[in-house]
């Protein structure tokens, strides 16, 4: 800690500080580190359960969808757009 008056380092004694250079001194105030119960914020946890995915069915649908899209890209003559 430094002196607010001259900026020199200060000596701390219990709840008081004193500057050895200019002689300024003062009382140290303590800070409240724990919030009071009325000021505390409460967290909310939300849990959502998802049904188990049927990978075989999903894979089959994806293959079918890709083959349909591939057919749309190919013209009747066989040339791709």
PDB file of N, CA and C in Angstrom:
ATOM      1  N   UNK A   1       0.853  -1.176   0.000  1.00  0.00           N
ATOM      2  CA  UNK A   1       0.000   0.000   0.000  1.00  0.00           C
ATOM      3  C   UNK A   1       0.891   1.228   0.000  1.00  0.00           C
ATOM      4  N   UNK A   2       0.434   2.272  -0.671  1.00  0.00           N
ATOM      5  CA  UNK A   2       1.187   3.518  -0.746  1.00  0.00           C
ATOM      6  C   UNK A   2       0.380   4.664  -0.148  1.00  0.00           C
ATOM      7  N   UNK A   3       1.105   5.655   0.292  1.00  0.00           N
ATOM      8  CA  UNK A   3       0.482   6.834   0.903  1.00  0.00           C
ATOM      9  C   UNK A   3      -0.308   7.601  -0.148  1.00  0.00           C
ATOM     10  N   UNK A   4      -1.563   7.954   0.127  1.00  0.00           N
ATOM     11  CA  UNK A   4      -2.344   8.723  -0.838  1.00  0.00           C
ATOM     12  C   UNK A   4      -1.840  10.164  -0.969  1.00  0.00           C
ATOM     13  N   UNK A   5      -1.080  10.640   0.023  1.00  0.00           N
ATOM     14  CA  UNK A   5      -0.588  12.024   0.029  1.00  0.00           C
ATOM     15  C   UNK A   5       0.691  12.166  -0.790  1.00  0.00           C
ATOM     16  N   UNK A   6       1.720  11.313  -0.522  1.00  0.00           N
ATOM     17  CA  UNK A   6       3.021  11.468  -1.184  1.00  0.00           C
ATOM     18  C   UNK A   6       3.409  10.293  -2.063  1.00  0.00           C
ATOM     19  N   UNK A   7       2.734   9.154  -1.961  1.00  0.00           N
ATOM     20  CA  UNK A   7       3.026   7.999  -2.795  1.00  0.00           C
ATOM     21  C   UNK A   7       4.089   7.066  -2.249  1.00  0.00           C
ATOM     22  N   UNK A   8       4.646   7.349  -1.078  1.00  0.00           N
ATOM     23  CA  UNK A   8       5.652   6.474  -0.481  1.00  0.00           C
ATOM     24  C   UNK A   8       4.997   5.242   0.131  1.00  0.00           C
ATOM     25  N   UNK A   9       5.751   4.128   0.263  1.00  0.00           N
ATOM     26  CA  UNK A   9       5.198   2.958   0.940  1.00  0.00           C
ATOM     27  C   UNK A   9       4.858   3.290   2.395  1.00  0.00           C
ATOM     28  N   UNK A  10       3.810   2.660   2.917  1.00  0.00           N
ATOM     29  CA  UNK A  10       3.372   2.937   4.289  1.00  0.00           C
ATOM     30  C   UNK A  10       3.576   1.724   5.164  1.00  0.00           C
ATOM     31  N   UNK A  11       3.594   1.946   6.467  1.00  0.00           N
ATOM     32  CA  UNK A  11       3.663   0.871   7.453  1.00  0.00           C
ATOM     33  C   UNK A  11       2.238   0.606   7.922  1.00  0.00           C
ATOM     34  N   UNK A  12       1.882  -0.674   8.037  1.00  0.00           N
ATOM     35  CA  UNK A  12       0.536  -1.038   8.469  1.00  0.00           C
ATOM     36  C   UNK A  12       0.620  -1.635   9.856  1.00  0.00           C
ATOM     37  N   UNK A  13      -0.184  -1.108  10.770  1.00  0.00           N
ATOM     38  CA  UNK A  13      -0.271  -1.588  12.154  1.00  0.00           C
ATOM     39  C   UNK A  13      -1.723  -1.921  12.452  1.00  0.00           C
ATOM     40  N   UNK A  14      -2.044  -3.210  12.565  1.00  0.00           N
ATOM     41  CA  UNK A  14      -3.406  -3.681  12.859  1.00  0.00           C
ATOM     42  C   UNK A  14      -4.383  -3.059  11.858  1.00  0.00           C
ATOM     43  N   UNK A  15      -5.194  -2.094  12.282  1.00  0.00           N
ATOM     44  CA  UNK A  15      -6.162  -1.483  11.373  1.00  0.00           C
ATOM     45  C   UNK A  15      -5.806  -0.039  11.024  1.00  0.00           C
ATOM     46  N   UNK A  16      -4.536   0.330  11.194  1.00  0.00           N
ATOM     47  CA  UNK A  16      -4.077   1.689  10.887  1.00  0.00           C
ATOM     48  C   UNK A  16      -2.874   1.637   9.952  1.00  0.00           C
ATOM     49  N   UNK A  17      -2.647   2.688   9.193  1.00  0.00           N
ATOM     50  CA  UNK A  17      -1.461   2.805   8.352  1.00  0.00           C
ATOM     51  C   UNK A  17      -0.787   4.138   8.656  1.00  0.00           C
ATOM     52  N   UNK A  18       0.525   4.194   8.429  1.00  0.00           N
ATOM     53  CA  UNK A  18       1.286   5.418   8.692  1.00  0.00           C
ATOM     54  C   UNK A  18       2.407   5.545   7.665  1.00  0.00           C
ATOM     55  N   UNK A  19       2.553   6.760   7.107  1.00  0.00           N
ATOM     56  CA  UNK A  19       3.599   7.027   6.142  1.00  0.00           C
ATOM     57  C   UNK A  19       4.851   7.473   6.879  1.00  0.00           C
ATOM     58  N   UNK A  20       5.967   6.810   6.635  1.00  0.00           N
ATOM     59  CA  UNK A  20       7.220   7.180   7.286  1.00  0.00           C
ATOM     60  C   UNK A  20       7.853   8.412   6.679  1.00  0.00           C
ATOM     61  N   UNK A  21       7.452   8.822   5.489  1.00  0.00           N
ATOM     62  CA  UNK A  21       8.051   9.975   4.825  1.00  0.00           C
ATOM     63  C   UNK A  21       7.349  11.282   5.197  1.00  0.00           C
ATOM     64  N   UNK A  22       6.030  11.349   4.998  1.00  0.00           N
ATOM     65  CA  UNK A  22       5.330  12.612   5.260  1.00  0.00           C
ATOM     66  C   UNK A  22       4.565  12.602   6.577  1.00  0.00           C
ATOM     67  N   UNK A  23       4.435  11.436   7.211  1.00  0.00           N
ATOM     68  CA  UNK A  23       3.752  11.366   8.499  1.00  0.00           C
ATOM     69  C   UNK A  23       2.243  11.222   8.414  1.00  0.00           C
ATOM     70  N   UNK A  24       1.709  11.165   7.212  1.00  0.00           N
ATOM     71  CA  UNK A  24       0.260  11.002   7.059  1.00  0.00           C
ATOM     72  C   UNK A  24      -0.132   9.629   7.609  1.00  0.00           C
ATOM     73  N   UNK A  25      -1.370   9.527   8.109  1.00  0.00           N
ATOM     74  CA  UNK A  25      -1.832   8.259   8.661  1.00  0.00           C
ATOM     75  C   UNK A  25      -3.339   8.149   8.494  1.00  0.00           C
ATOM     76  N   UNK A  26      -3.857   6.943   8.736  1.00  0.00           N
ATOM     77  CA  UNK A  26      -5.290   6.752   8.602  1.00  0.00           C
ATOM     78  C   UNK A  26      -5.719   5.392   9.098  1.00  0.00           C
ATOM     79  N   UNK A  27      -7.030   5.161   9.050  1.00  0.00           N
ATOM     80  CA  UNK A  27      -7.613   3.909   9.514  1.00  0.00           C
ATOM     81  C   UNK A  27      -7.922   3.045   8.290  1.00  0.00           C
ATOM     82  N   UNK A  28      -7.598   1.764   8.386  1.00  0.00           N
ATOM     83  CA  UNK A  28      -7.937   0.821   7.317  1.00  0.00           C
ATOM     84  C   UNK A  28      -9.353   0.322   7.540  1.00  0.00           C
ATOM     85  N   UNK A  29     -10.154   0.390   6.499  1.00  0.00           N
ATOM     86  CA  UNK A  29     -11.511  -0.131   6.577  1.00  0.00           C
ATOM     87  C   UNK A  29     -11.520  -1.522   5.979  1.00  0.00           C
ATOM     88  N   UNK A  30     -12.294  -2.414   6.552  1.00  0.00           N
ATOM     89  CA  UNK A  30     -12.400  -3.767   6.012  1.00  0.00           C
ATOM     90  C   UNK A  30     -13.538  -3.816   5.012  1.00  0.00           C
ATOM     91  N   UNK A  31     -13.366  -4.658   4.015  1.00  0.00           N
ATOM     92  CA  UNK A  31     -14.414  -4.857   3.012  1.00  0.00           C
ATOM     93  C   UNK A  31     -15.199  -6.102   3.356  1.00  0.00           C
ATOM     94  N   UNK A  32     -16.475  -6.090   3.036  1.00  0.00           N
ATOM     95  CA  UNK A  32     -17.292  -7.285   3.195  1.00  0.00           C
ATOM     96  C   UNK A  32     -16.997  -8.194   2.009  1.00  0.00           C
ATOM     97  N   UNK A  33     -16.484  -9.371   2.292  1.00  0.00           N
ATOM     98  CA  UNK A  33     -16.156 -10.287   1.206  1.00  0.00           C
ATOM     99  C   UNK A  33     -17.293 -11.255   0.901  1.00  0.00           C
ATOM    100  N   UNK A  34     -18.192 -11.454   1.840  1.00  0.00           N
ATOM    101  CA  UNK A  34     -19.304 -12.386   1.641  1.00  0.00           C
ATOM    102  C   UNK A  34     -20.570 -11.573   1.425  1.00  0.00           C
ATOM    103  N   UNK A  35     -21.270 -11.760   0.292  1.00  0.00           N
ATOM    104  CA  UNK A  35     -22.501 -10.999   0.076  1.00  0.00           C
ATOM    105  C   UNK A  35     -23.578 -11.398   1.079  1.00  0.00           C
ATOM    106  N   UNK A  36     -24.379 -10.439   1.396  1.00  0.00           N
ATOM    107  CA  UNK A  36     -25.471 -10.701   2.342  1.00  0.00           C
ATOM    108  C   UNK A  36     -26.521 -11.569   1.649  1.00  0.00           C
ATOM    109  N   UNK A  37     -27.261 -12.388   2.407  1.00  0.00           N
ATOM    110  CA  UNK A  37     -28.234 -13.297   1.791  1.00  0.00           C
ATOM    111  C   UNK A  37     -29.241 -12.608   0.876  1.00  0.00           C
ATOM    112  N   UNK A  38     -29.647 -11.391   1.198  1.00  0.00           N
ATOM    113  CA  UNK A  38     -30.628 -10.693   0.371  1.00  0.00           C
ATOM    114  C   UNK A  38     -30.026 -10.297  -0.975  1.00  0.00           C
ATOM    115  N   UNK A  39     -28.691 -10.131  -1.035  1.00  0.00           N
ATOM    116  CA  UNK A  39     -28.042  -9.705  -2.273  1.00  0.00           C
ATOM    117  C   UNK A  39     -27.566 -10.877  -3.117  1.00  0.00           C
ATOM    118  N   UNK A  40     -27.632 -12.083  -2.579  1.00  0.00           N
ATOM    119  CA  UNK A  40     -27.144 -13.241  -3.317  1.00  0.00           C
ATOM    120  C   UNK A  40     -28.090 -13.578  -4.463  1.00  0.00           C
ATOM    121  N   UNK A  41     -27.517 -13.945  -5.599  1.00  0.00           N
ATOM    122  CA  UNK A  41     -28.325 -14.356  -6.737  1.00  0.00           C
ATOM    123  C   UNK A  41     -28.363 -15.874  -6.777  1.00  0.00           C
ATOM    124  N   UNK A  42     -29.505 -16.404  -7.126  1.00  0.00           N
ATOM    125  CA  UNK A  42     -29.672 -17.853  -7.174  1.00  0.00           C
ATOM    126  C   UNK A  42     -29.577 -18.327  -8.617  1.00  0.00           C
ATOM    127  N   UNK A  43     -28.860 -19.390  -8.822  1.00  0.00           N
ATOM    128  CA  UNK A  43     -28.733 -19.974 -10.154  1.00  0.00           C
ATOM    129  C   UNK A  43     -29.870 -20.969 -10.379  1.00  0.00           C
ATOM    130  N   UNK A  44     -30.290 -21.077 -11.621  1.00  0.00           N
ATOM    131  CA  UNK A  44     -31.338 -22.015 -11.989  1.00  0.00           C
ATOM    132  C   UNK A  44     -30.751 -23.031 -12.957  1.00  0.00           C
ATOM    133  N   UNK A  45     -30.987 -24.272 -12.702  1.00  0.00           N
ATOM    134  CA  UNK A  45     -30.506 -25.351 -13.554  1.00  0.00           C
ATOM    135  C   UNK A  45     -31.695 -25.982 -14.260  1.00  0.00           C
ATOM    136  N   UNK A  46     -31.598 -26.074 -15.586  1.00  0.00           N
ATOM    137  CA  UNK A  46     -32.649 -26.693 -16.374  1.00  0.00           C
ATOM    138  C   UNK A  46     -32.069 -27.920 -17.055  1.00  0.00           C
ATOM    139  N   UNK A  47     -32.753 -29.038 -16.934  1.00  0.00           N
ATOM    140  CA  UNK A  47     -32.306 -30.283 -17.546  1.00  0.00           C
ATOM    141  C   UNK A  47     -33.363 -30.720 -18.552  1.00  0.00           C
ATOM    142  N   UNK A  48     -32.905 -31.040 -19.762  1.00  0.00           N
ATOM    143  CA  UNK A  48     -33.816 -31.484 -20.804  1.00  0.00           C
ATOM    144  C   UNK A  48     -33.375 -32.863 -21.256  1.00  0.00           C
ATOM    145  N   UNK A  49     -34.272 -33.815 -21.214  1.00  0.00           N
ATOM    146  CA  UNK A  49     -33.974 -35.171 -21.633  1.00  0.00           C
ATOM    147  C   UNK A  49     -34.357 -35.335 -23.097  1.00  0.00           C
ATOM    148  N   UNK A  50     -33.487 -35.954 -23.846  1.00  0.00           N
ATOM    149  CA  UNK A  50     -33.711 -36.180 -25.274  1.00  0.00           C
ATOM    150  C   UNK A  50     -33.854 -37.682 -25.499  1.00  0.00           C
ATOM    151  N   UNK A  51     -34.829 -38.041 -26.321  1.00  0.00           N
ATOM    152  CA  UNK A  51     -35.032 -39.462 -26.630  1.00  0.00           C
ATOM    153  C   UNK A  51     -33.804 -40.024 -27.338  1.00  0.00           C
ATOM    154  N   UNK A  52     -33.586 -41.304 -27.162  1.00  0.00           N
ATOM    155  CA  UNK A  52     -32.463 -41.971 -27.807  1.00  0.00           C
ATOM    156  C   UNK A  52     -32.697 -41.993 -29.309  1.00  0.00           C
ATOM    157  N   UNK A  53     -31.679 -41.628 -30.067  1.00  0.00           N
ATOM    158  CA  UNK A  53     -31.779 -41.565 -31.511  1.00  0.00           C
ATOM    159  C   UNK A  53     -31.542 -42.948 -32.110  1.00  0.00           C
ATOM    160  N   UNK A  54     -32.381 -43.322 -33.037  1.00  0.00           N
ATOM    161  CA  UNK A  54     -32.218 -44.592 -33.742  1.00  0.00           C
ATOM    162  C   UNK A  54     -31.275 -44.342 -34.918  1.00  0.00           C
ATOM    163  N   UNK A  55     -30.009 -44.713 -34.749  1.00  0.00           N
ATOM    164  CA  UNK A  55     -29.003 -44.408 -35.747  1.00  0.00           C
ATOM    165  C   UNK A  55     -29.241 -45.139 -37.063  1.00  0.00           C
ATOM    166  N   UNK A  56     -29.732 -46.363 -36.999  1.00  0.00           N
ATOM    167  CA  UNK A  56     -29.992 -47.112 -38.231  1.00  0.00           C
ATOM    168  C   UNK A  56     -31.052 -46.417 -39.084  1.00  0.00           C
ATOM    169  N   UNK A  57     -32.122 -45.972 -38.455  1.00  0.00           N
ATOM    170  CA  UNK A  57     -33.187 -45.285 -39.185  1.00  0.00           C
ATOM    171  C   UNK A  57     -32.688 -43.947 -39.722  1.00  0.00           C
ATOM    172  N   UNK A  58     -31.921 -43.216 -38.925  1.00  0.00           N
ATOM    173  CA  UNK A  58     -31.395 -41.926 -39.361  1.00  0.00           C
ATOM    174  C   UNK A  58     -30.436 -42.103 -40.536  1.00  0.00           C
ATOM    175  N   UNK A  59     -29.588 -43.131 -40.491  1.00  0.00           N
ATOM    176  CA  UNK A  59     -28.644 -43.406 -41.573  1.00  0.00           C
ATOM    177  C   UNK A  59     -29.391 -43.757 -42.861  1.00  0.00           C
ATOM    178  N   UNK A  60     -30.432 -44.561 -42.747  1.00  0.00           N
ATOM    179  CA  UNK A  60     -31.223 -44.943 -43.923  1.00  0.00           C
ATOM    180  C   UNK A  60     -31.893 -43.727 -44.547  1.00  0.00           C
ATOM    181  N   UNK A  61     -32.463 -42.850 -43.728  1.00  0.00           N
ATOM    182  CA  UNK A  61     -33.113 -41.640 -44.237  1.00  0.00           C
ATOM    183  C   UNK A  61     -32.102 -40.726 -44.920  1.00  0.00           C
ATOM    184  N   UNK A  62     -30.909 -40.616 -44.352  1.00  0.00           N
ATOM    185  CA  UNK A  62     -29.898 -39.756 -44.927  1.00  0.00           C
ATOM    186  C   UNK A  62     -29.438 -40.302 -46.284  1.00  0.00           C
ATOM    187  N   UNK A  63     -29.226 -41.613 -46.392  1.00  0.00           N
ATOM    188  CA  UNK A  63     -28.816 -42.213 -47.662  1.00  0.00           C
ATOM    189  C   UNK A  63     -29.892 -42.012 -48.723  1.00  0.00           C
ATOM    190  N   UNK A  64     -31.141 -42.184 -48.331  1.00  0.00           N
ATOM    191  CA  UNK A  64     -32.253 -42.005 -49.266  1.00  0.00           C
ATOM    192  C   UNK A  64     -32.317 -40.561 -49.759  1.00  0.00           C
ATOM    193  N   UNK A  65     -32.169 -39.613 -48.840  1.00  0.00           N
ATOM    194  CA  UNK A  65     -32.217 -38.202 -49.191  1.00  0.00           C
ATOM    195  C   UNK A  65     -31.062 -37.827 -50.117  1.00  0.00           C
ATOM    196  N   UNK A  66     -29.871 -38.353 -49.855  1.00  0.00           N
ATOM    197  CA  UNK A  66     -28.725 -38.052 -50.715  1.00  0.00           C
ATOM    198  C   UNK A  66     -28.902 -38.644 -52.106  1.00  0.00           C
ATOM    199  N   UNK A  67     -29.443 -39.839 -52.184  1.00  0.00           N
ATOM    200  CA  UNK A  67     -29.640 -40.446 -53.507  1.00  0.00           C
ATOM    201  C   UNK A  67     -30.689 -39.679 -54.305  1.00  0.00           C
ATOM    202  N   UNK A  68     -31.730 -39.170 -53.641  1.00  0.00           N
ATOM    203  CA  UNK A  68     -32.747 -38.377 -54.330  1.00  0.00           C
ATOM    204  C   UNK A  68     -32.146 -37.077 -54.855  1.00  0.00           C
ATOM    205  N   UNK A  69     -31.295 -36.437 -54.056  1.00  0.00           N
ATOM    206  CA  UNK A  69     -30.662 -35.195 -54.508  1.00  0.00           C
ATOM    207  C   UNK A  69     -29.700 -35.456 -55.657  1.00  0.00           C
ATOM    208  N   UNK A  70     -28.993 -36.574 -55.592  1.00  0.00           N
ATOM    209  CA  UNK A  70     -28.067 -36.909 -56.668  1.00  0.00           C
ATOM    210  C   UNK A  70     -28.827 -37.157 -57.964  1.00  0.00           C
ATOM    211  N   UNK A  71     -29.993 -37.783 -57.888  1.00  0.00           N
ATOM    212  CA  UNK A  71     -30.800 -38.036 -59.081  1.00  0.00           C
ATOM    213  C   UNK A  71     -31.279 -36.732 -59.706  1.00  0.00           C
ATOM    214  N   UNK A  72     -31.566 -35.724 -58.884  1.00  0.00           N
ATOM    215  CA  UNK A  72     -32.017 -34.430 -59.406  1.00  0.00           C
ATOM    216  C   UNK A  72     -30.881 -33.701 -60.124  1.00  0.00           C
ATOM    217  N   UNK A  73     -29.645 -33.943 -59.704  1.00  0.00           N
ATOM    218  CA  UNK A  73     -28.514 -33.262 -60.328  1.00  0.00           C
ATOM    219  C   UNK A  73     -28.138 -33.869 -61.678  1.00  0.00           C
ATOM    220  N   UNK A  74     -28.497 -35.103 -61.888  1.00  0.00           N
ATOM    221  CA  UNK A  74     -28.141 -35.787 -63.125  1.00  0.00           C
ATOM    222  C   UNK A  74     -29.285 -35.629 -64.128  1.00  0.00           C
ATOM    223  N   UNK A  75     -28.957 -35.178 -65.347  1.00  0.00           N
ATOM    224  CA  UNK A  75     -29.998 -35.006 -66.369  1.00  0.00           C
ATOM    225  C   UNK A  75     -30.346 -36.355 -66.990  1.00  0.00           C
ATOM    226  N   UNK A  76     -31.428 -36.433 -67.750  1.00  0.00           N
ATOM    227  CA  UNK A  76     -31.796 -37.703 -68.391  1.00  0.00           C
ATOM    228  C   UNK A  76     -30.707 -38.248 -69.298  1.00  0.00           C
ATOM    229  N   UNK A  77     -29.885 -37.382 -69.876  1.00  0.00           N
ATOM    230  CA  UNK A  77     -28.831 -37.863 -70.785  1.00  0.00           C
ATOM    231  C   UNK A  77     -27.614 -38.378 -70.006  1.00  0.00           C
ATOM    232  N   UNK A  78     -27.591 -38.185 -68.716  1.00  0.00           N
ATOM    233  CA  UNK A  78     -26.479 -38.648 -67.902  1.00  0.00           C
ATOM    234  C   UNK A  78     -25.470 -37.570 -67.579  1.00  0.00           C
ATOM    235  N   UNK A  79     -25.587 -36.399 -68.172  1.00  0.00           N
ATOM    236  CA  UNK A  79     -24.655 -35.295 -67.898  1.00  0.00           C
ATOM    237  C   UNK A  79     -25.079 -34.560 -66.634  1.00  0.00           C
ATOM    238  N   UNK A  80     -24.102 -34.140 -65.891  1.00  0.00           N
ATOM    239  CA  UNK A  80     -24.410 -33.410 -64.653  1.00  0.00           C
ATOM    240  C   UNK A  80     -24.520 -31.927 -64.947  1.00  0.00           C
ATOM    241  N   UNK A  81     -25.370 -31.245 -64.217  1.00  0.00           N
ATOM    242  CA  UNK A  81     -25.536 -29.794 -64.387  1.00  0.00           C
ATOM    243  C   UNK A  81     -24.350 -29.073 -63.826  1.00  0.00           C
TER     244      UNK A  81
END
